[in-house]
Amino acid sequence: MNILHQNKFDTFKMIFRQIGGLQIILGYTMVVPLLVSLIYSEFYSSLGFLISGVISVIIGFSLYKGFKTSSEPLNRHALIIAAVGWLSIALMGSLPFIIIAYITPIEVVQQLIPAGADYISSILYFKNPIHAIFESMSGFTTTGLSMAVHEPSIGKGLLFYRSFTQLLGGAGFIVLTLALLGHSSGKVA
């Protein structure tokens, strides 16, 4: 009985280690929208991407190093790692939306809205974590749905990040498909 629980614990350690690696990658990818925000002088967005990237890297390294004694994943672990990994990336990927929504002053937010418009900036919708998670999940799953009523009102850095999540999500689908096809045929992709 103890051996059975030890195997389950080893499986959790291995999954958390892999999730940590994915979070590290996500944290480093935040550099790209950070640079785009700097190019367009959107300093509040830049700060949001920096904070999000640092949080993701810290959590990723904590998981990766904390479970470094775990065994290597087997074929049977691939789907659970992919599912939990996608969920964790979508959750952590929502941080830039939330952080930028809270740190951007209302004066800056109002400048993103055309004069005479009868709507608020879509940045303000992302103060609700559900909207931010939906936006992130939509991007990383490449569905393309959005909580933004008027996309240009979220700023160029955050608009780029929305598109970038779809690029990363599409690349993830391709890698996942190749990995699954390789395993089902007995070959490693």
N, C-alpha and C. Protein backbone atom coordinates (compact mmCIF):
# COMPACT_ATOMS: atom_id res chain seq x y z
N MET A 1 0.82 -1.20 0.00
CA MET A 1 0.00 0.00 0.00
C MET A 1 0.87 1.26 0.00
N ASN A 2 1.94 1.24 0.78
CA ASN A 2 2.84 2.39 0.84
C ASN A 2 3.52 2.63 -0.50
N ILE A 3 3.86 1.57 -1.21
CA ILE A 3 4.50 1.70 -2.53
C ILE A 3 3.54 2.37 -3.51
N LEU A 4 2.26 2.03 -3.43
CA LEU A 4 1.27 2.62 -4.31
C LEU A 4 1.18 4.13 -4.09
N HIS A 5 1.15 4.57 -2.84
CA HIS A 5 1.10 5.99 -2.54
C HIS A 5 2.40 6.69 -2.94
N GLN A 6 3.51 6.01 -2.79
CA GLN A 6 4.79 6.59 -3.18
C GLN A 6 4.81 6.83 -4.69
N ASN A 7 4.26 5.91 -5.48
CA ASN A 7 4.23 6.09 -6.92
C ASN A 7 3.35 7.28 -7.31
N LYS A 8 2.20 7.44 -6.62
CA LYS A 8 1.33 8.58 -6.91
C LYS A 8 2.04 9.88 -6.55
N PHE A 9 2.75 9.88 -5.42
CA PHE A 9 3.48 11.08 -5.01
C PHE A 9 4.57 11.40 -6.02
N ASP A 10 5.27 10.39 -6.51
CA ASP A 10 6.30 10.61 -7.53
C ASP A 10 5.69 11.18 -8.81
N THR A 11 4.50 10.71 -9.15
CA THR A 11 3.82 11.23 -10.34
C THR A 11 3.50 12.71 -10.16
N PHE A 12 2.99 13.08 -8.99
CA PHE A 12 2.69 14.49 -8.74
C PHE A 12 3.96 15.34 -8.79
N LYS A 13 5.05 14.83 -8.22
CA LYS A 13 6.31 15.56 -8.25
C LYS A 13 6.77 15.78 -9.69
N MET A 14 6.65 14.74 -10.50
CA MET A 14 7.08 14.84 -11.89
C MET A 14 6.22 15.85 -12.65
N ILE A 15 4.91 15.82 -12.42
CA ILE A 15 4.00 16.75 -13.09
C ILE A 15 4.32 18.18 -12.68
N PHE A 16 4.50 18.41 -11.38
CA PHE A 16 4.80 19.76 -10.91
C PHE A 16 6.13 20.26 -11.44
N ARG A 17 7.08 19.36 -11.61
CA ARG A 17 8.38 19.78 -12.17
C ARG A 17 8.21 20.22 -13.63
N GLN A 18 7.43 19.47 -14.39
CA GLN A 18 7.20 19.83 -15.79
C GLN A 18 6.42 21.15 -15.89
N ILE A 19 5.44 21.33 -15.01
CA ILE A 19 4.67 22.58 -14.99
C ILE A 19 5.60 23.74 -14.66
N GLY A 20 6.54 23.51 -13.75
CA GLY A 20 7.52 24.53 -13.43
C GLY A 20 8.33 24.94 -14.65
N GLY A 21 8.74 23.97 -15.44
CA GLY A 21 9.47 24.28 -16.67
C GLY A 21 8.64 25.11 -17.64
N LEU A 22 7.36 24.78 -17.76
CA LEU A 22 6.48 25.56 -18.63
C LEU A 22 6.31 26.99 -18.12
N GLN A 23 6.22 27.15 -16.81
CA GLN A 23 6.07 28.49 -16.23
C GLN A 23 7.33 29.33 -16.45
N ILE A 24 8.48 28.70 -16.41
CA ILE A 24 9.73 29.42 -16.69
C ILE A 24 9.71 29.93 -18.13
N ILE A 25 9.32 29.07 -19.04
CA ILE A 25 9.24 29.47 -20.46
C ILE A 25 8.25 30.62 -20.63
N LEU A 26 7.08 30.50 -19.99
CA LEU A 26 6.08 31.57 -20.08
C LEU A 26 6.64 32.88 -19.55
N GLY A 27 7.36 32.81 -18.44
CA GLY A 27 7.94 34.03 -17.87
C GLY A 27 8.92 34.69 -18.82
N TYR A 28 9.74 33.89 -19.47
CA TYR A 28 10.70 34.46 -20.42
C TYR A 28 10.01 35.01 -21.67
N THR A 29 8.89 34.44 -22.07
CA THR A 29 8.19 34.97 -23.25
C THR A 29 7.56 36.33 -22.97
N MET A 30 7.42 36.70 -21.71
CA MET A 30 6.86 38.02 -21.37
C MET A 30 7.80 39.15 -21.81
N VAL A 31 9.03 38.81 -22.12
CA VAL A 31 9.99 39.83 -22.58
C VAL A 31 9.53 40.43 -23.91
N VAL A 32 8.94 39.63 -24.77
CA VAL A 32 8.54 40.12 -26.10
C VAL A 32 7.46 41.21 -25.98
N PRO A 33 6.32 40.96 -25.31
CA PRO A 33 5.35 42.06 -25.18
C PRO A 33 5.88 43.23 -24.33
N LEU A 34 6.79 42.95 -23.42
CA LEU A 34 7.42 44.03 -22.64
C LEU A 34 8.16 44.97 -23.58
N LEU A 35 8.92 44.40 -24.52
CA LEU A 35 9.66 45.23 -25.48
C LEU A 35 8.71 46.01 -26.39
N VAL A 36 7.63 45.37 -26.82
CA VAL A 36 6.64 46.07 -27.65
C VAL A 36 6.05 47.25 -26.89
N SER A 37 5.74 47.04 -25.62
CA SER A 37 5.20 48.13 -24.80
C SER A 37 6.21 49.26 -24.66
N LEU A 38 7.47 48.92 -24.50
CA LEU A 38 8.51 49.96 -24.40
C LEU A 38 8.64 50.74 -25.71
N ILE A 39 8.56 50.03 -26.83
CA ILE A 39 8.66 50.70 -28.14
C ILE A 39 7.57 51.75 -28.29
N TYR A 40 6.35 51.44 -27.81
CA TYR A 40 5.22 52.36 -27.92
C TYR A 40 5.08 53.26 -26.69
N SER A 41 6.08 53.29 -25.84
CA SER A 41 6.10 54.13 -24.63
C SER A 41 4.91 53.86 -23.71
N GLU A 42 4.49 52.63 -23.63
CA GLU A 42 3.42 52.24 -22.70
C GLU A 42 4.09 51.65 -21.46
N PHE A 43 4.54 52.53 -20.59
CA PHE A 43 5.36 52.12 -19.47
C PHE A 43 4.59 51.34 -18.42
N TYR A 44 3.30 51.63 -18.27
CA TYR A 44 2.50 50.86 -17.31
C TYR A 44 2.34 49.42 -17.80
N SER A 45 2.14 49.26 -19.09
CA SER A 45 2.06 47.90 -19.65
C SER A 45 3.39 47.19 -19.50
N SER A 46 4.48 47.91 -19.75
CA SER A 46 5.81 47.30 -19.60
C SER A 46 6.02 46.79 -18.19
N LEU A 47 5.63 47.60 -17.22
CA LEU A 47 5.77 47.19 -15.82
C LEU A 47 4.90 45.97 -15.52
N GLY A 48 3.70 45.94 -16.09
CA GLY A 48 2.82 44.78 -15.90
C GLY A 48 3.41 43.50 -16.46
N PHE A 49 4.02 43.59 -17.63
CA PHE A 49 4.66 42.40 -18.22
C PHE A 49 5.89 41.99 -17.43
N LEU A 50 6.64 42.96 -16.94
CA LEU A 50 7.82 42.65 -16.13
C LEU A 50 7.42 41.93 -14.84
N ILE A 51 6.43 42.47 -14.15
CA ILE A 51 5.96 41.85 -12.90
C ILE A 51 5.43 40.44 -13.18
N SER A 52 4.63 40.30 -14.22
CA SER A 52 4.07 38.98 -14.56
C SER A 52 5.16 37.98 -14.90
N GLY A 53 6.13 38.43 -15.69
CA GLY A 53 7.23 37.54 -16.06
C GLY A 53 8.05 37.09 -14.86
N VAL A 54 8.33 38.02 -13.96
CA VAL A 54 9.11 37.69 -12.76
C VAL A 54 8.33 36.71 -11.89
N ILE A 55 7.04 36.95 -11.69
CA ILE A 55 6.22 36.04 -10.88
C ILE A 55 6.22 34.64 -11.50
N SER A 56 6.04 34.58 -12.81
CA SER A 56 6.00 33.28 -13.50
C SER A 56 7.33 32.55 -13.38
N VAL A 57 8.43 33.26 -13.55
CA VAL A 57 9.75 32.63 -13.46
C VAL A 57 10.02 32.16 -12.03
N ILE A 58 9.66 32.97 -11.04
CA ILE A 58 9.88 32.57 -9.64
C ILE A 58 9.08 31.32 -9.30
N ILE A 59 7.81 31.31 -9.68
CA ILE A 59 6.98 30.12 -9.42
C ILE A 59 7.53 28.92 -10.20
N GLY A 60 7.91 29.15 -11.46
CA GLY A 60 8.45 28.08 -12.27
C GLY A 60 9.72 27.48 -11.69
N PHE A 61 10.66 28.33 -11.29
CA PHE A 61 11.90 27.83 -10.69
C PHE A 61 11.63 27.13 -9.37
N SER A 62 10.68 27.66 -8.59
CA SER A 62 10.34 27.01 -7.32
C SER A 62 9.82 25.59 -7.55
N LEU A 63 8.95 25.44 -8.53
CA LEU A 63 8.42 24.10 -8.84
C LEU A 63 9.50 23.21 -9.43
N TYR A 64 10.26 23.76 -10.38
CA TYR A 64 11.26 22.96 -11.08
C TYR A 64 12.36 22.49 -10.13
N LYS A 65 12.87 23.40 -9.32
CA LYS A 65 13.94 23.04 -8.39
C LYS A 65 13.39 22.29 -7.18
N GLY A 66 12.17 22.63 -6.77
CA GLY A 66 11.58 21.97 -5.60
C GLY A 66 11.30 20.50 -5.83
N PHE A 67 11.07 20.13 -7.07
CA PHE A 67 10.77 18.73 -7.40
C PHE A 67 11.83 18.15 -8.33
N LYS A 68 13.08 18.58 -8.14
CA LYS A 68 14.15 18.14 -9.04
C LYS A 68 14.48 16.66 -8.89
N THR A 69 14.07 16.05 -7.78
CA THR A 69 14.36 14.62 -7.58
C THR A 69 13.33 13.72 -8.26
N SER A 70 12.39 14.33 -8.97
CA SER A 70 11.35 13.51 -9.61
C SER A 70 11.93 12.74 -10.79
N SER A 71 11.24 11.67 -11.14
CA SER A 71 11.68 10.86 -12.28
C SER A 71 11.26 11.53 -13.58
N GLU A 72 11.77 11.02 -14.67
CA GLU A 72 11.42 11.55 -15.98
C GLU A 72 10.00 11.11 -16.35
N PRO A 73 9.26 11.95 -17.08
CA PRO A 73 7.89 11.57 -17.44
C PRO A 73 7.87 10.41 -18.45
N LEU A 74 6.84 9.62 -18.34
CA LEU A 74 6.62 8.51 -19.26
C LEU A 74 5.51 8.89 -20.23
N ASN A 75 5.28 8.05 -21.22
CA ASN A 75 4.23 8.31 -22.20
C ASN A 75 2.87 8.48 -21.54
N ARG A 76 2.61 7.71 -20.49
CA ARG A 76 1.30 7.77 -19.85
C ARG A 76 1.07 9.10 -19.12
N HIS A 77 2.11 9.86 -18.89
CA HIS A 77 1.98 11.14 -18.20
C HIS A 77 1.78 12.30 -19.16
N ALA A 78 1.94 12.07 -20.45
CA ALA A 78 1.95 13.16 -21.43
C ALA A 78 0.64 13.94 -21.43
N LEU A 79 -0.49 13.26 -21.43
CA LEU A 79 -1.76 13.97 -21.52
C LEU A 79 -2.06 14.78 -20.26
N ILE A 80 -1.77 14.24 -19.10
CA ILE A 80 -2.04 14.99 -17.87
C ILE A 80 -1.11 16.20 -17.76
N ILE A 81 0.13 16.05 -18.19
CA ILE A 81 1.06 17.19 -18.18
C ILE A 81 0.57 18.25 -19.17
N ALA A 82 0.11 17.82 -20.34
CA ALA A 82 -0.40 18.78 -21.33
C ALA A 82 -1.63 19.51 -20.81
N ALA A 83 -2.57 18.78 -20.21
CA ALA A 83 -3.80 19.40 -19.72
C ALA A 83 -3.53 20.35 -18.56
N VAL A 84 -2.79 19.89 -17.58
CA VAL A 84 -2.49 20.73 -16.42
C VAL A 84 -1.57 21.89 -16.83
N GLY A 85 -0.66 21.61 -17.75
CA GLY A 85 0.23 22.66 -18.24
C GLY A 85 -0.52 23.76 -18.95
N TRP A 86 -1.48 23.38 -19.80
CA TRP A 86 -2.26 24.38 -20.52
C TRP A 86 -3.08 25.22 -19.55
N LEU A 87 -3.67 24.58 -18.56
CA LEU A 87 -4.45 25.30 -17.56
C LEU A 87 -3.56 26.26 -16.76
N SER A 88 -2.39 25.78 -16.35
CA SER A 88 -1.50 26.64 -15.55
C SER A 88 -0.96 27.81 -16.37
N ILE A 89 -0.69 27.58 -17.64
CA ILE A 89 -0.22 28.67 -18.50
C ILE A 89 -1.33 29.70 -18.70
N ALA A 90 -2.56 29.23 -18.89
CA ALA A 90 -3.67 30.17 -19.05
C ALA A 90 -3.89 30.99 -17.78
N LEU A 91 -3.78 30.35 -16.62
CA LEU A 91 -3.96 31.07 -15.36
C LEU A 91 -2.85 32.11 -15.16
N MET A 92 -1.61 31.69 -15.35
CA MET A 92 -0.50 32.64 -15.19
C MET A 92 -0.48 33.67 -16.32
N GLY A 93 -0.96 33.27 -17.48
CA GLY A 93 -1.02 34.19 -18.61
C GLY A 93 -2.04 35.29 -18.42
N SER A 94 -2.94 35.13 -17.45
CA SER A 94 -3.93 36.17 -17.18
C SER A 94 -3.34 37.29 -16.31
N LEU A 95 -2.21 37.04 -15.69
CA LEU A 95 -1.60 38.06 -14.82
C LEU A 95 -1.34 39.40 -15.51
N PRO A 96 -0.80 39.44 -16.73
CA PRO A 96 -0.59 40.75 -17.35
C PRO A 96 -1.88 41.55 -17.50
N PHE A 97 -2.97 40.88 -17.86
CA PHE A 97 -4.25 41.58 -18.01
C PHE A 97 -4.67 42.20 -16.68
N ILE A 98 -4.59 41.42 -15.62
CA ILE A 98 -5.02 41.89 -14.30
C ILE A 98 -4.10 43.00 -13.79
N ILE A 99 -2.80 42.76 -13.84
CA ILE A 99 -1.85 43.73 -13.30
C ILE A 99 -1.92 45.04 -14.07
N ILE A 100 -1.94 44.98 -15.38
CA ILE A 100 -2.00 46.20 -16.19
C ILE A 100 -3.31 46.95 -15.92
N ALA A 101 -4.41 46.23 -15.75
CA ALA A 101 -5.69 46.87 -15.46
C ALA A 101 -5.64 47.65 -14.15
N TYR A 102 -4.92 47.13 -13.18
CA TYR A 102 -4.86 47.78 -11.87
C TYR A 102 -3.80 48.88 -11.77
N ILE A 103 -2.70 48.76 -12.49
CA ILE A 103 -1.64 49.76 -12.31
C ILE A 103 -1.72 50.92 -13.30
N THR A 104 -2.52 50.80 -14.34
CA THR A 104 -2.64 51.88 -15.31
C THR A 104 -3.58 52.95 -14.76
N PRO A 105 -3.10 54.18 -14.61
CA PRO A 105 -3.96 55.25 -14.09
C PRO A 105 -5.15 55.52 -15.01
N ILE A 106 -6.25 55.95 -14.43
CA ILE A 106 -7.47 56.18 -15.19
C ILE A 106 -7.27 57.24 -16.27
N GLU A 107 -6.38 58.21 -16.03
CA GLU A 107 -6.11 59.24 -17.05
C GLU A 107 -5.51 58.62 -18.31
N VAL A 108 -4.62 57.66 -18.11
CA VAL A 108 -3.99 56.97 -19.25
C VAL A 108 -5.02 56.10 -19.95
N VAL A 109 -5.85 55.42 -19.18
CA VAL A 109 -6.89 54.56 -19.75
C VAL A 109 -7.84 55.38 -20.61
N GLN A 110 -8.22 56.57 -20.13
CA GLN A 110 -9.16 57.42 -20.88
C GLN A 110 -8.55 57.93 -22.18
N GLN A 111 -7.23 58.05 -22.24
CA GLN A 111 -6.59 58.50 -23.48
C GLN A 111 -6.68 57.44 -24.58
N LEU A 112 -6.94 56.20 -24.21
CA LEU A 112 -7.03 55.12 -25.20
C LEU A 112 -8.40 55.06 -25.87
N ILE A 113 -9.35 55.84 -25.36
CA ILE A 113 -10.71 55.84 -25.90
C ILE A 113 -10.86 57.02 -26.85
N PRO A 114 -11.42 56.81 -28.05
CA PRO A 114 -11.64 57.93 -28.96
C PRO A 114 -12.59 58.97 -28.35
N ALA A 115 -12.38 60.22 -28.70
CA ALA A 115 -13.23 61.29 -28.19
C ALA A 115 -14.68 61.06 -28.61
N GLY A 116 -15.59 61.25 -27.68
CA GLY A 116 -17.01 61.10 -27.98
C GLY A 116 -17.51 59.67 -27.94
N ALA A 117 -16.66 58.72 -27.62
CA ALA A 117 -17.08 57.31 -27.57
C ALA A 117 -17.99 57.10 -26.36
N ASP A 118 -18.95 56.20 -26.50
CA ASP A 118 -19.90 55.95 -25.42
C ASP A 118 -19.59 54.64 -24.68
N TYR A 119 -18.34 54.24 -24.66
CA TYR A 119 -17.95 53.02 -23.96
C TYR A 119 -16.70 53.30 -23.14
N ILE A 120 -16.42 52.40 -22.20
CA ILE A 120 -15.21 52.53 -21.39
C ILE A 120 -14.10 51.70 -22.03
N SER A 121 -12.88 51.95 -21.61
CA SER A 121 -11.75 51.18 -22.14
C SER A 121 -11.88 49.72 -21.72
N SER A 122 -11.54 48.85 -22.61
CA SER A 122 -11.62 47.41 -22.32
C SER A 122 -10.60 46.99 -21.27
N ILE A 123 -9.59 47.81 -21.00
CA ILE A 123 -8.63 47.49 -19.94
C ILE A 123 -9.37 47.31 -18.62
N LEU A 124 -10.38 48.13 -18.38
CA LEU A 124 -11.09 48.08 -17.11
C LEU A 124 -11.83 46.77 -16.90
N TYR A 125 -12.21 46.08 -17.98
CA TYR A 125 -12.86 44.78 -17.85
C TYR A 125 -11.92 43.75 -17.22
N PHE A 126 -10.63 43.93 -17.41
CA PHE A 126 -9.67 42.94 -16.93
C PHE A 126 -9.37 43.06 -15.44
N LYS A 127 -10.00 44.02 -14.77
CA LYS A 127 -9.90 44.05 -13.31
C LYS A 127 -10.66 42.88 -12.70
N ASN A 128 -11.59 42.35 -13.46
CA ASN A 128 -12.31 41.14 -13.04
C ASN A 128 -11.45 39.94 -13.46
N PRO A 129 -10.96 39.16 -12.50
CA PRO A 129 -10.08 38.03 -12.84
C PRO A 129 -10.72 37.02 -13.80
N ILE A 130 -12.03 36.86 -13.74
CA ILE A 130 -12.69 35.93 -14.65
C ILE A 130 -12.53 36.40 -16.09
N HIS A 131 -12.67 37.70 -16.33
CA HIS A 131 -12.48 38.23 -17.68
C HIS A 131 -11.04 38.05 -18.14
N ALA A 132 -10.10 38.28 -17.23
CA ALA A 132 -8.68 38.14 -17.58
C ALA A 132 -8.34 36.68 -17.88
N ILE A 133 -8.85 35.76 -17.07
CA ILE A 133 -8.59 34.33 -17.31
C ILE A 133 -9.24 33.90 -18.62
N PHE A 134 -10.46 34.38 -18.88
CA PHE A 134 -11.13 34.06 -20.14
C PHE A 134 -10.30 34.54 -21.33
N GLU A 135 -9.80 35.77 -21.23
CA GLU A 135 -8.99 36.34 -22.32
C GLU A 135 -7.73 35.52 -22.55
N SER A 136 -7.08 35.13 -21.46
CA SER A 136 -5.85 34.34 -21.56
C SER A 136 -6.14 32.94 -22.11
N MET A 137 -7.15 32.29 -21.56
CA MET A 137 -7.51 30.95 -22.03
C MET A 137 -7.91 30.99 -23.50
N SER A 138 -8.64 32.02 -23.89
CA SER A 138 -9.03 32.17 -25.28
C SER A 138 -7.81 32.30 -26.19
N GLY A 139 -6.82 33.02 -25.73
CA GLY A 139 -5.61 33.18 -26.53
C GLY A 139 -4.80 31.91 -26.63
N PHE A 140 -4.54 31.28 -25.48
CA PHE A 140 -3.68 30.09 -25.49
C PHE A 140 -4.37 28.87 -26.11
N THR A 141 -5.70 28.89 -26.21
CA THR A 141 -6.39 27.80 -26.92
C THR A 141 -6.71 28.19 -28.36
N THR A 142 -6.31 29.36 -28.76
CA THR A 142 -6.47 29.91 -30.12
C THR A 142 -7.93 30.00 -30.56
N THR A 143 -8.86 30.15 -29.62
CA THR A 143 -10.26 30.32 -30.02
C THR A 143 -10.53 31.73 -30.50
N GLY A 144 -9.78 32.70 -30.01
CA GLY A 144 -9.88 34.07 -30.50
C GLY A 144 -11.03 34.88 -29.92
N LEU A 145 -11.79 34.33 -28.99
CA LEU A 145 -12.85 35.11 -28.36
C LEU A 145 -12.23 36.15 -27.45
N SER A 146 -12.97 37.22 -27.19
CA SER A 146 -12.40 38.30 -26.40
C SER A 146 -13.43 38.94 -25.49
N MET A 147 -12.97 39.39 -24.35
CA MET A 147 -13.80 40.17 -23.44
C MET A 147 -13.71 41.66 -23.78
N ALA A 148 -12.79 42.00 -24.66
CA ALA A 148 -12.58 43.41 -25.02
C ALA A 148 -13.70 43.88 -25.94
N VAL A 149 -14.36 44.96 -25.54
CA VAL A 149 -15.43 45.53 -26.36
C VAL A 149 -14.82 46.30 -27.52
N HIS A 150 -13.77 47.04 -27.25
CA HIS A 150 -13.09 47.83 -28.26
C HIS A 150 -11.60 47.55 -28.12
N GLU A 151 -11.08 46.66 -28.95
CA GLU A 151 -9.71 46.17 -28.80
C GLU A 151 -8.64 47.26 -28.78
N PRO A 152 -8.72 48.28 -29.64
CA PRO A 152 -7.66 49.30 -29.59
C PRO A 152 -7.59 50.05 -28.26
N SER A 153 -8.64 50.00 -27.46
CA SER A 153 -8.64 50.73 -26.20
C SER A 153 -7.87 50.01 -25.09
N ILE A 154 -7.22 48.90 -25.41
CA ILE A 154 -6.40 48.23 -24.39
C ILE A 154 -4.92 48.56 -24.54
N GLY A 155 -4.56 49.31 -25.53
CA GLY A 155 -3.16 49.68 -25.73
C GLY A 155 -2.45 48.69 -26.64
N LYS A 156 -1.39 49.15 -27.24
CA LYS A 156 -0.68 48.33 -28.23
C LYS A 156 0.07 47.15 -27.60
N GLY A 157 0.63 47.34 -26.42
CA GLY A 157 1.36 46.26 -25.76
C GLY A 157 0.45 45.11 -25.40
N LEU A 158 -0.69 45.42 -24.78
CA LEU A 158 -1.64 44.38 -24.40
C LEU A 158 -2.32 43.77 -25.62
N LEU A 159 -2.55 44.58 -26.64
CA LEU A 159 -3.12 44.06 -27.89
C LEU A 159 -2.14 43.08 -28.55
N PHE A 160 -0.86 43.42 -28.54
CA PHE A 160 0.15 42.50 -29.05
C PHE A 160 0.17 41.21 -28.23
N TYR A 161 0.08 41.35 -26.92
CA TYR A 161 0.11 40.16 -26.04
C TYR A 161 -1.06 39.23 -26.36
N ARG A 162 -2.24 39.78 -26.63
CA ARG A 162 -3.39 38.94 -27.00
C ARG A 162 -3.05 38.11 -28.24
N SER A 163 -2.46 38.75 -29.24
CA SER A 163 -2.09 38.03 -30.46
C SER A 163 -0.97 37.04 -30.21
N PHE A 164 -0.04 37.42 -29.36
CA PHE A 164 1.11 36.58 -29.04
C PHE A 164 0.67 35.30 -28.32
N THR A 165 -0.34 35.40 -27.45
CA THR A 165 -0.85 34.19 -26.78
C THR A 165 -1.44 33.22 -27.79
N GLN A 166 -2.06 33.76 -28.84
CA GLN A 166 -2.61 32.87 -29.87
C GLN A 166 -1.50 32.21 -30.67
N LEU A 167 -0.43 32.93 -30.92
CA LEU A 167 0.73 32.33 -31.61
C LEU A 167 1.33 31.22 -30.76
N LEU A 168 1.54 31.50 -29.47
CA LEU A 168 2.10 30.48 -28.58
C LEU A 168 1.16 29.29 -28.44
N GLY A 169 -0.13 29.56 -28.35
CA GLY A 169 -1.11 28.48 -28.25
C GLY A 169 -1.14 27.62 -29.50
N GLY A 170 -1.06 28.25 -30.66
CA GLY A 170 -1.03 27.49 -31.91
C GLY A 170 0.22 26.64 -32.03
N ALA A 171 1.35 27.19 -31.63
CA ALA A 171 2.59 26.40 -31.64
C ALA A 171 2.49 25.25 -30.65
N GLY A 172 1.85 25.49 -29.51
CA GLY A 172 1.65 24.43 -28.52
C GLY A 172 0.79 23.30 -29.05
N PHE A 173 -0.26 23.65 -29.79
CA PHE A 173 -1.11 22.62 -30.39
C PHE A 173 -0.33 21.78 -31.39
N ILE A 174 0.50 22.41 -32.18
CA ILE A 174 1.29 21.68 -33.16
C ILE A 174 2.25 20.72 -32.46
N VAL A 175 2.93 21.20 -31.42
CA VAL A 175 3.87 20.35 -30.68
C VAL A 175 3.13 19.19 -30.02
N LEU A 176 1.98 19.48 -29.40
CA LEU A 176 1.20 18.44 -28.75
C LEU A 176 0.74 17.39 -29.76
N THR A 177 0.26 17.83 -30.91
CA THR A 177 -0.19 16.90 -31.95
C THR A 177 0.95 16.03 -32.44
N LEU A 178 2.09 16.64 -32.70
CA LEU A 178 3.24 15.85 -33.15
C LEU A 178 3.69 14.85 -32.09
N ALA A 179 3.65 15.27 -30.83
CA ALA A 179 4.05 14.36 -29.75
C ALA A 179 3.09 13.19 -29.64
N LEU A 180 1.79 13.46 -29.74
CA LEU A 180 0.81 12.39 -29.64
C LEU A 180 0.87 11.46 -30.85
N LEU A 181 1.05 12.02 -32.04
CA LEU A 181 1.16 11.18 -33.23
C LEU A 181 2.42 10.32 -33.17
N GLY A 182 3.49 10.89 -32.67
CA GLY A 182 4.74 10.14 -32.55
C GLY A 182 4.61 9.00 -31.56
N HIS A 183 3.91 9.23 -30.45
CA HIS A 183 3.74 8.19 -29.44
C HIS A 183 2.78 7.11 -29.91
N SER A 184 1.75 7.49 -30.66
CA SER A 184 0.79 6.48 -31.10
C SER A 184 1.37 5.58 -32.18
N SER A 185 2.34 6.09 -32.94
CA SER A 185 2.95 5.26 -33.97
C SER A 185 4.16 4.49 -33.45
N GLY A 186 4.51 4.72 -32.19
CA GLY A 186 5.65 4.04 -31.61
C GLY A 186 6.96 4.78 -31.82
N LYS A 187 6.92 5.89 -32.53
CA LYS A 187 8.11 6.70 -32.75
C LYS A 187 8.05 7.93 -31.86
N VAL A 188 9.19 8.46 -31.54
CA VAL A 188 9.24 9.68 -30.75
C VAL A 188 9.34 10.85 -31.69
N ALA A 189 8.48 11.84 -31.51
CA ALA A 189 8.47 13.01 -32.39
C ALA A 189 9.58 13.96 -32.03
